[in-house]
Protein backbone atom coordinates (compact mmCIF):
# COMPACT_ATOMS: atom_id res chain seq x y z
CA UNK A 1 -2.17 -22.11 -6.22
CA UNK A 2 1.31 -20.77 -6.77
CA UNK A 3 3.20 -20.18 -3.54
CA UNK A 4 6.42 -19.47 -5.41
CA UNK A 5 7.26 -17.42 -8.50
CA UNK A 6 10.44 -16.11 -10.06
CA UNK A 7 11.88 -13.74 -12.65
CA UNK A 8 14.92 -15.04 -14.52
CA UNK A 9 16.08 -11.65 -15.79
CA UNK A 10 16.50 -10.17 -12.31
CA UNK A 11 17.26 -13.54 -10.65
CA UNK A 12 14.52 -12.84 -8.14
CA UNK A 13 12.21 -15.30 -6.43
CA UNK A 14 9.10 -14.59 -4.39
CA UNK A 15 7.44 -17.07 -2.07
CA UNK A 16 4.66 -17.16 0.46
CA UNK A 17 6.04 -17.42 3.99
CA UNK A 18 3.52 -19.41 6.05
CA UNK A 19 5.14 -18.48 9.36
CA UNK A 20 5.01 -14.74 8.70
CA UNK A 21 1.73 -14.97 6.72
CA UNK A 22 3.04 -12.73 3.95
CA UNK A 23 5.03 -12.81 0.70
CA UNK A 24 8.82 -12.44 0.73
CA UNK A 25 11.39 -11.98 -2.03
CA UNK A 26 15.07 -12.79 -2.39
CA UNK A 27 17.70 -12.97 -5.09
CA UNK A 28 18.61 -16.46 -6.25
CA UNK A 29 21.06 -18.11 -3.82
CA UNK A 30 20.71 -15.33 -1.23
CA UNK A 31 19.52 -15.62 2.36
CA UNK A 32 18.48 -11.95 2.53
CA UNK A 33 14.68 -11.71 2.40
CA UNK A 34 12.54 -8.71 1.55
CA UNK A 35 9.12 -8.79 3.24
CA UNK A 36 5.99 -7.31 1.67
CA UNK A 37 4.07 -6.01 4.71
CA UNK A 38 1.14 -5.01 2.49
CA UNK A 39 0.47 -8.73 1.83
CA UNK A 40 0.24 -9.66 5.52
CA UNK A 41 -3.03 -11.26 6.55
CA UNK A 42 -3.36 -12.46 10.14
CA UNK A 43 -6.50 -14.40 9.23
CA UNK A 44 -4.89 -16.28 6.32
CA UNK A 45 -5.12 -20.03 6.13
CA UNK A 46 -1.85 -21.75 5.22
CA UNK A 47 -3.44 -23.24 2.11
CA UNK A 48 -5.12 -20.02 0.98
CA UNK A 49 -3.21 -16.77 1.41
CA UNK A 50 -5.24 -13.62 0.80
CA UNK A 51 -3.03 -12.58 -2.13
CA UNK A 52 -1.34 -14.23 -5.05
CA UNK A 53 1.70 -12.71 -6.78
CA UNK A 54 3.31 -13.04 -10.18
CA UNK A 55 5.92 -11.24 -12.24
CA UNK A 56 4.79 -9.48 -15.40
CA UNK A 57 6.84 -9.36 -18.61
CA UNK A 58 8.61 -6.18 -17.43
CA UNK A 59 9.72 -7.85 -14.17
CA UNK A 60 7.28 -5.95 -11.95
CA UNK A 61 5.51 -7.82 -9.19
CA UNK A 62 1.73 -7.98 -9.57
CA UNK A 63 -0.21 -8.57 -6.34
CA UNK A 64 -3.74 -9.93 -6.85
CA UNK A 65 -6.63 -10.94 -4.65
CA UNK A 66 -6.31 -14.71 -4.52
CA UNK A 67 -9.88 -15.70 -5.28
CA UNK A 68 -10.96 -12.83 -7.55
CA UNK A 69 -7.69 -12.20 -9.48
CA UNK A 70 -8.29 -8.46 -8.96
CA UNK A 71 -4.99 -6.55 -9.10
CA UNK A 72 -4.40 -4.92 -5.72
CA UNK A 73 -1.03 -3.35 -6.44
CA UNK A 74 1.89 -3.38 -8.86
CA UNK A 75 5.32 -3.16 -7.28
CA UNK A 76 8.74 -2.59 -8.81
CA UNK A 77 10.93 -5.65 -8.99
CA UNK A 78 11.97 -6.24 -5.36
CA UNK A 79 15.44 -7.50 -6.33
CA UNK A 80 16.39 -4.87 -8.88
CA UNK A 81 18.19 -2.64 -6.35
CA UNK A 82 19.49 -5.22 -3.85
């Protein structure tokens, strides 16, 4: 399971935050985090978040159901305007 992914072109990283139980993004070497409230799952287990994320070739963030790989949503690159 990937709990971290990144896009070199936008210098953006996305990781699963176990404490908040959701995915967050930040630019490389930045402390400013962008939360994705739509990925919050209060019933998530630390080892198995409900969603998995990855960047596509265009730098968009693809949010998938973790176990089924079904695409739930496609988001613009979270770091492109920050």
